[in-house]
Every structure is written in C-alpha cells, then in structure tokens.
C-alpha cells in the first residue's frame, strides 16, 4: 500500500493526497481514494439520525399497542406484571439494542459494505490488504465503536438524568468522545481506532457508471484489434471473474504504461482464468481483455445487471 501522489498515471480523485494503491492478494495494484473525515462524519450523523428515527418509530408503535390494549381491556390488564406493558417494554429494549448494533453489522457485511449513511455520501468499508472484507473485521470495528462513542454517551446521559454527575466526570466523558471523533483527522488514511484494530479503512465508492471509465487510446485500440483480433478470444467464464472496479484498475494500468505493471497484471489475469501467460505482448493481451470485459459489463447493464467487483455477484 502506498501513496499515489507521485504517479499521475493512476490518480483519479480531486484530492491526490488521499489517493492510495492497494495491492490485492493476487498482486494486482488497485487504486482507491480514502474517504475524507468530513464524509465519514456526515455518514455517521446520517446513520445516527436513521437509528433514532427507527427507535422513535418503534416507540410510537409500542405506545399505540398499549393504548389499544388499554381501550380494549382496561388499565389494570395493561399494568399486570406479565401483561402487554411488560411485553412491549422487553420488545422495545431488544429493538433499541438491535438498531444500535445490528444496523451497522448488517449493512457493512452486505454486498455494498456500507450503511445507508455511507451510501448517501458515496463511501464504503474495505479491507486494507485488498482482500474480501471479513465478518471478523466488521464485528471488531463495530465493537470498538461502542467503546469510542455509544458507551460514553450512554454513561453521560444516564448520569445527567440521575443528577449525580460531577463536572469533572462530565468533562472527562466529553473529552473521551471528542478524542475518538477527531482521531481520523490526525492520520493520513482517515482511520478511526476501530479501523486500526480491524484492518479496515473507508474509501470512496468506485464510480458505477461505465461511461466514466476511459478506454485506451484509439491508436492502441486499432493496433490491438489488428494484431490480436483472432489471437485472443475470451469465454464467458474468462470474463466473469472481474467487475467494474477491476475494469477501472485495468484502464489505469494501461494508461500508466509501466512494463512491470503490465507483466504483473497479465500474469495475475492469466492465473485467474487458467491461461498460460505469454511474453512480449502483454499490452495487446490486456487491451483485448479490457475491450472484452467492458463489452460484457455494458451488455449486462442493458439487462439491468451490474457487477461491482470480483467479490460481488451480479446485482
């Protein structure tokens, strides 16, 4: 993993200092852009508002249930130890726990690796080693969020409600939360403590519009078509191992023109699809594969199918 500010061939964001190269397990360089601290804060704010909205909805539903039972059976029935009020209270506590914890786990373990808040600002969670985001990593980063944010806030609000909190305790709790909230601002990869422990980071989403992927030059495409039209034919299985993210990565490799990168990516693709890599015509091979892969992905889009990356199924 390295900074890409010195390599104009793979720069793709408006903030070059946040561009990174992530090396996948296959040895293929994948260019990513780290999410800004502002984007992360905005996503967290949206997620908290969504969670509060869900809790409010459950609370109102519980109130309606209690009101209905009170109207139908009377207050004494509602207030019985094993009555509707107790059952609604238990369900409310379970719902709040799930909204606070399972919300992040469910969405970050999903296909998009992003909560509703992250999707709204165009960011997602990814493994820093370039591999697939594991359940262990997602669980770890969300357990740490409780320590960073939710537990101190619960402690502060409960203490204020009971009127037993000293000024020192209140300031200590406030500084604790503030320290963790500002932590991403003071490291170059905008990581929070949960990311450090889980081996994750939050990156900007790859553009999902294939029109944003720039094809190789017309001259190179003409050379590729003339020299490899009959030499390289790829089957459906050969083209099904990669998605839009890898297509953009391949485009960046072709743009950079680095012989070493061309050889590395050629070997990786050949190993993935079961071909024996040749020598000396890596660019022709990669341009042929790029053209075929792009055609396949665009064909799928016409039928409403998209594939985000090599780890994803068609969506």
Protein backbone atom coordinates (compact mmCIF):
# COMPACT_ATOMS: atom_id res chain seq x y z
CA UNK A 1 0.00 0.00 0.00
CA UNK A 2 1.47 3.31 -1.00
CA UNK A 3 0.63 6.90 -1.70
CA UNK A 4 -0.07 7.65 -5.36
CA UNK A 5 0.53 11.37 -5.43
CA UNK A 6 3.72 10.91 -7.43
CA UNK A 7 2.12 8.69 -10.06
CA UNK A 8 -0.11 10.73 -12.39
CA UNK A 9 -0.98 7.61 -14.35
CA UNK A 10 -3.29 6.32 -11.65
CA UNK A 11 -4.54 9.47 -9.97
CA UNK A 12 -8.30 9.69 -10.16
CA UNK A 13 -9.58 11.91 -7.35
CA UNK A 14 -9.73 15.63 -6.76
CA UNK A 15 -7.66 15.16 -3.56
CA UNK A 16 -4.41 13.46 -4.64
CA UNK A 17 -3.16 13.27 -1.05
CA UNK A 18 -5.97 10.79 -0.34
CA UNK A 19 -5.17 8.53 -3.31
CA UNK A 20 -3.69 5.17 -2.41
CA UNK A 21 -2.60 1.99 -4.17
CA UNK A 22 -3.88 -1.19 -2.55
CA UNK A 23 -2.23 -4.45 -3.56
CA UNK A 24 -4.73 -7.28 -3.89
CA UNK A 25 -3.92 -10.88 -2.81
CA UNK A 26 -3.25 -11.63 -6.50
CA UNK A 27 -0.61 -8.88 -6.61
CA UNK A 28 -2.72 -6.54 -8.75
CA UNK A 29 -2.50 -2.84 -7.82
CA UNK A 30 -5.93 -1.37 -7.08
CA UNK A 31 -6.23 2.40 -6.90
CA UNK A 32 -8.56 3.73 -4.20
CA UNK A 33 -9.32 7.09 -2.64
CA UNK A 34 -9.62 7.33 1.13
CA UNK A 35 -12.85 8.91 2.36
CA UNK A 36 -12.42 12.35 3.90
CA UNK A 37 -13.04 12.94 7.60
CA UNK A 38 -15.97 15.17 6.63
CA UNK A 39 -17.59 12.41 4.58
CA UNK A 40 -17.19 9.96 7.44
CA UNK A 41 -18.66 12.42 9.94
CA UNK A 42 -21.58 13.12 7.62
CA UNK A 43 -22.26 9.42 7.14
CA UNK A 44 -22.16 8.76 10.90
CA UNK A 45 -24.52 11.68 11.54
CA UNK A 46 -26.99 10.34 8.98
CA UNK A 47 -26.75 6.82 10.44
CA UNK A 48 -27.39 8.09 13.97
CA UNK A 49 -30.41 10.08 12.75
CA UNK A 50 -31.71 6.98 10.95
CA UNK A 51 -31.25 4.86 14.09
CA UNK A 52 -33.01 7.48 16.21
CA UNK A 53 -35.84 7.55 13.65
CA UNK A 54 -36.17 3.77 13.83
CA UNK A 55 -36.22 3.87 17.64
CA UNK A 56 -38.83 6.63 17.56
CA UNK A 57 -40.94 4.54 15.18
CA UNK A 58 -40.78 1.51 17.48
CA UNK A 59 -41.61 3.73 20.47
CA UNK A 60 -44.68 5.17 18.77
CA UNK A 61 -45.78 1.68 17.73
CA UNK A 62 -45.40 0.50 21.33
CA UNK A 63 -47.47 3.43 22.58
CA UNK A 64 -50.20 2.59 20.07
CA UNK A 65 -50.22 -1.05 21.19
CA UNK A 66 -50.52 -0.04 24.86
CA UNK A 67 -53.28 2.43 24.01
CA UNK A 68 -55.17 -0.24 22.07
CA UNK A 69 -54.93 -2.74 24.95
CA UNK A 70 -55.96 -0.06 27.45
CA UNK A 71 -59.01 0.81 25.38
CA UNK A 72 -59.99 -2.82 24.91
CA UNK A 73 -59.20 -4.40 28.31
CA UNK A 74 -58.65 -1.57 30.76
CA UNK A 75 -55.66 -0.12 32.58
CA UNK A 76 -55.40 -2.91 35.16
CA UNK A 77 -54.83 -5.51 32.44
CA UNK A 78 -52.15 -3.38 30.79
CA UNK A 79 -50.28 -2.90 34.09
CA UNK A 80 -50.21 -6.57 35.07
CA UNK A 81 -46.73 -7.97 35.71
CA UNK A 82 -46.89 -10.25 32.67
CA UNK A 83 -49.23 -8.01 30.75
CA UNK A 84 -48.90 -6.03 27.50
CA UNK A 85 -46.84 -3.22 29.05
CA UNK A 86 -44.09 -5.62 30.17
CA UNK A 87 -44.04 -7.39 26.80
CA UNK A 88 -43.85 -4.10 24.89
CA UNK A 89 -41.05 -2.86 27.17
CA UNK A 90 -38.98 -6.01 26.54
CA UNK A 91 -39.52 -5.77 22.79
CA UNK A 92 -38.57 -2.08 22.88
CA UNK A 93 -35.28 -2.82 24.69
CA UNK A 94 -34.44 -5.59 22.21
CA UNK A 95 -35.26 -3.32 19.27
CA UNK A 96 -33.05 -0.49 20.56
CA UNK A 97 -30.16 -2.91 21.07
CA UNK A 98 -30.54 -4.29 17.53
CA UNK A 99 -30.83 -0.86 15.96
CA UNK A 100 -27.70 0.35 17.75
CA UNK A 101 -25.56 -2.69 16.98
CA UNK A 102 -27.05 -4.90 14.26
CA UNK A 103 -27.70 -1.90 11.98
CA UNK A 104 -24.00 -1.36 11.27
CA UNK A 105 -23.18 -5.07 11.18
CA UNK A 106 -25.99 -5.93 8.77
CA UNK A 107 -25.20 -3.26 6.18
CA UNK A 108 -21.39 -3.42 6.36
CA UNK A 109 -21.49 -7.21 5.95
CA UNK A 110 -23.74 -6.77 2.92
CA UNK A 111 -22.83 -6.61 -0.74
CA UNK A 112 -22.15 -2.86 -0.69
CA UNK A 113 -20.25 -2.85 2.64
CA UNK A 114 -21.94 0.42 3.53
CA UNK A 115 -24.73 1.66 5.76
CA UNK A 116 -27.46 3.94 4.44
CA UNK A 117 -25.45 6.93 5.66
CA UNK A 118 -22.29 5.79 3.88
CA UNK A 119 -24.21 5.11 0.67
CA UNK A 120 -25.69 8.61 0.79
CA UNK A 121 -22.22 10.24 0.82
CA UNK A 122 -20.64 7.69 -1.56
CA UNK A 123 -18.25 5.78 0.70
CA UNK A 124 -17.82 2.16 1.82
CA UNK A 125 -15.77 -0.06 4.13
CA UNK A 126 -12.89 -2.09 2.63
CA UNK A 127 -10.10 -4.34 3.88
CA UNK A 128 -6.73 -2.57 3.80
CA UNK A 129 -4.96 -5.69 2.49
CA UNK A 130 -7.06 -5.70 -0.68
CA UNK A 131 -8.85 -8.91 0.24
CA UNK A 132 -12.50 -9.56 0.91
CA UNK A 133 -14.00 -7.76 3.88
CA UNK A 134 -14.42 -10.41 6.56
CA UNK A 135 -17.13 -10.75 9.19
CA UNK A 136 -14.47 -10.68 11.92
CA UNK A 137 -13.20 -7.30 10.73
CA UNK A 138 -16.68 -5.79 10.58
CA UNK A 139 -17.56 -7.10 14.05
CA UNK A 140 -14.28 -5.81 15.51
CA UNK A 141 -14.63 -2.28 14.09
CA UNK A 142 -18.20 -2.03 15.36
CA UNK A 143 -17.41 -3.32 18.84
CA UNK A 144 -14.79 -0.58 19.10
CA UNK A 145 -17.42 1.98 18.03
CA UNK A 146 -19.31 1.18 21.22
CA UNK A 147 -16.21 2.00 23.25
CA UNK A 148 -15.48 5.10 21.18
CA UNK A 149 -18.93 6.63 21.09
CA UNK A 150 -22.04 4.89 22.36
CA UNK A 151 -20.98 3.73 25.83
CA UNK A 152 -19.58 7.16 26.87
CA UNK A 153 -22.75 8.85 25.56
CA UNK A 154 -24.98 6.40 27.44
CA UNK A 155 -22.92 7.00 30.59
CA UNK A 156 -23.15 10.76 30.22
CA UNK A 157 -26.89 10.86 29.53
CA UNK A 158 -27.72 8.45 32.36
CA UNK A 159 -25.58 10.41 34.80
CA UNK A 160 -27.24 13.67 33.86
CA UNK A 161 -30.69 12.11 34.19
CA UNK A 162 -29.90 10.93 37.74
CA UNK A 163 -28.30 14.26 38.64
CA UNK A 164 -25.24 12.52 40.11
CA UNK A 165 -22.55 13.52 37.62
CA UNK A 166 -19.75 15.84 38.72
CA UNK A 167 -18.28 18.49 36.44
CA UNK A 168 -15.04 16.53 36.22
CA UNK A 169 -16.85 13.36 35.13
CA UNK A 170 -18.87 15.26 32.55
CA UNK A 171 -15.77 16.91 31.07
CA UNK A 172 -13.87 13.60 31.08
CA UNK A 173 -16.68 11.90 29.18
CA UNK A 174 -16.92 14.79 26.72
CA UNK A 175 -13.17 14.75 26.05
CA UNK A 176 -13.23 10.95 25.63
CA UNK A 177 -15.86 11.19 22.90
CA UNK A 178 -14.19 14.20 21.27
CA UNK A 179 -10.80 12.46 21.17
CA UNK A 180 -12.16 9.49 19.27
CA UNK A 181 -14.31 11.61 16.97
CA UNK A 182 -11.29 13.71 15.95
CA UNK A 183 -8.91 10.75 15.65
CA UNK A 184 -9.46 10.35 11.85
CA UNK A 185 -8.44 13.98 11.30
CA UNK A 186 -4.92 13.37 12.62
CA UNK A 187 -3.85 10.38 10.49
CA UNK A 188 -3.30 10.40 6.75
CA UNK A 189 -5.61 7.47 5.99
CA UNK A 190 -8.50 8.99 8.00
CA UNK A 191 -8.76 5.87 10.14
CA UNK A 192 -10.61 5.64 13.40
CA UNK A 193 -9.44 3.31 16.17
CA UNK A 194 -11.84 0.59 15.05
CA UNK A 195 -10.25 0.63 11.58
CA UNK A 196 -6.75 0.29 13.04
CA UNK A 197 -7.74 -2.77 15.05
CA UNK A 198 -9.89 -4.41 12.36
CA UNK A 199 -7.51 -3.75 9.43
CA UNK A 200 -10.12 -1.78 7.52
CA UNK A 201 -10.49 1.68 6.05
CA UNK A 202 -13.29 3.67 4.49
CA UNK A 203 -12.89 4.55 0.83
CA UNK A 204 -14.83 6.40 -1.82
CA UNK A 205 -17.07 4.26 -3.96
CA UNK A 206 -15.87 3.38 -7.43
CA UNK A 207 -17.96 5.20 -10.00
CA UNK A 208 -20.68 2.82 -11.10
CA UNK A 209 -21.18 4.47 -14.48
CA UNK A 210 -19.05 2.76 -17.11
CA UNK A 211 -19.04 5.97 -19.14
CA UNK A 212 -16.63 7.28 -16.53
CA UNK A 213 -14.10 4.59 -17.45
CA UNK A 214 -11.82 5.96 -20.17
CA UNK A 215 -10.90 3.47 -22.85
CA UNK A 216 -7.34 3.11 -24.19
CA UNK A 217 -6.33 5.48 -26.95
CA UNK A 218 -7.86 5.00 -30.41
CA UNK A 219 -4.43 4.21 -31.83
CA UNK A 220 -3.78 1.48 -29.28
CA UNK A 221 -7.26 0.05 -29.77
CA UNK A 222 -6.69 -0.13 -33.52
CA UNK A 223 -3.35 -1.89 -33.01
CA UNK A 224 -4.97 -4.29 -30.56
CA UNK A 225 -7.82 -5.09 -32.92
CA UNK A 226 -5.48 -5.64 -35.86
CA UNK A 227 -2.89 -7.72 -34.02
CA UNK A 228 -4.99 -9.74 -31.63
CA UNK A 229 -8.43 -10.00 -33.17
CA UNK A 230 -8.05 -13.70 -33.84
CA UNK A 231 -5.42 -14.50 -31.19
CA UNK A 232 -7.32 -13.67 -28.01
CA UNK A 233 -10.85 -14.95 -27.62
CA UNK A 234 -12.30 -14.94 -24.10
CA UNK A 235 -15.12 -17.16 -22.93
CA UNK A 236 -17.96 -16.09 -20.67
CA UNK A 237 -16.21 -17.79 -17.75
CA UNK A 238 -12.96 -15.91 -18.51
CA UNK A 239 -14.77 -12.58 -18.29
CA UNK A 240 -16.94 -13.44 -15.28
CA UNK A 241 -14.11 -13.27 -12.74
CA UNK A 242 -13.93 -9.45 -12.65
CA UNK A 243 -16.25 -6.47 -12.33
CA UNK A 244 -16.36 -2.71 -12.77
CA UNK A 245 -13.75 -1.99 -10.09
CA UNK A 246 -11.17 -4.21 -11.79
CA UNK A 247 -12.09 -2.71 -15.17
CA UNK A 248 -11.11 0.72 -13.89
CA UNK A 249 -7.93 -0.70 -12.40
CA UNK A 250 -7.02 -2.29 -15.72
CA UNK A 251 -7.67 1.01 -17.50
CA UNK A 252 -5.30 2.76 -15.10
CA UNK A 253 -2.60 0.14 -15.69
CA UNK A 254 -2.91 0.62 -19.46
CA UNK A 255 -2.70 4.38 -19.03
CA UNK A 256 0.39 4.23 -16.84
CA UNK A 257 2.31 2.23 -19.46
CA UNK A 258 4.58 0.64 -16.85
CA UNK A 259 6.11 -2.55 -18.27
CA UNK A 260 6.37 -4.06 -14.81
CA UNK A 261 2.69 -3.35 -14.08
CA UNK A 262 1.65 -4.78 -17.45
CA UNK A 263 3.53 -8.01 -16.77
CA UNK A 264 2.20 -8.29 -13.20
CA UNK A 265 -1.42 -7.76 -14.21
CA UNK A 266 -1.14 -10.07 -17.23
CA UNK A 267 0.24 -12.87 -15.04
CA UNK A 268 -2.50 -12.26 -12.47
CA UNK A 269 -5.33 -12.36 -15.02
CA UNK A 270 -3.91 -15.44 -16.74
CA UNK A 271 -3.60 -17.19 -13.40
CA UNK A 272 -7.17 -16.27 -12.56
CA UNK A 273 -8.67 -17.56 -15.81
CA UNK A 274 -6.35 -20.55 -16.20
CA UNK A 275 -4.29 -19.31 -19.16
CA UNK A 276 -0.56 -19.70 -19.66
CA UNK A 277 0.89 -16.17 -19.79
CA UNK A 278 2.97 -15.35 -22.84
CA UNK A 279 5.80 -12.86 -23.07
CA UNK A 280 6.28 -9.67 -25.02
CA UNK A 281 2.67 -8.87 -25.95
CA UNK A 282 1.25 -8.02 -22.53
CA UNK A 283 -0.26 -4.72 -23.68
CA UNK A 284 -2.07 -6.36 -26.60
CA UNK A 285 -3.41 -9.07 -24.31
CA UNK A 286 -4.58 -6.58 -21.67
CA UNK A 287 -6.23 -4.26 -24.19
CA UNK A 288 -8.05 -7.23 -25.69
CA UNK A 289 -9.20 -8.36 -22.27
CA UNK A 290 -10.19 -4.80 -21.35
CA UNK A 291 -12.29 -4.43 -24.50
CA UNK A 292 -13.99 -7.79 -23.99
CA UNK A 293 -14.64 -7.20 -20.28
CA UNK A 294 -16.06 -3.76 -20.89
CA UNK A 295 -18.35 -5.12 -23.61
CA UNK A 296 -19.60 -7.84 -21.25
CA UNK A 297 -20.29 -5.41 -18.41
CA UNK A 298 -22.06 -2.95 -20.68
CA UNK A 299 -24.13 -5.80 -22.11
CA UNK A 300 -25.15 -6.81 -18.61
CA UNK A 301 -26.14 -3.23 -17.80
CA UNK A 302 -28.62 -3.23 -20.68
CA UNK A 303 -30.39 -6.11 -18.93
CA UNK A 304 -30.26 -4.42 -15.53
CA UNK A 305 -27.28 -6.44 -14.23
CA UNK A 306 -24.19 -4.85 -12.69
CA UNK A 307 -21.15 -6.32 -11.04
CA UNK A 308 -19.33 -4.05 -8.63
CA UNK A 309 -16.12 -6.05 -8.29
CA UNK A 310 -14.69 -9.58 -8.39
CA UNK A 311 -16.15 -10.42 -4.99
CA UNK A 312 -19.71 -9.49 -5.97
CA UNK A 313 -22.48 -11.30 -7.77
CA UNK A 314 -24.49 -9.52 -10.44
CA UNK A 315 -26.93 -7.02 -8.91
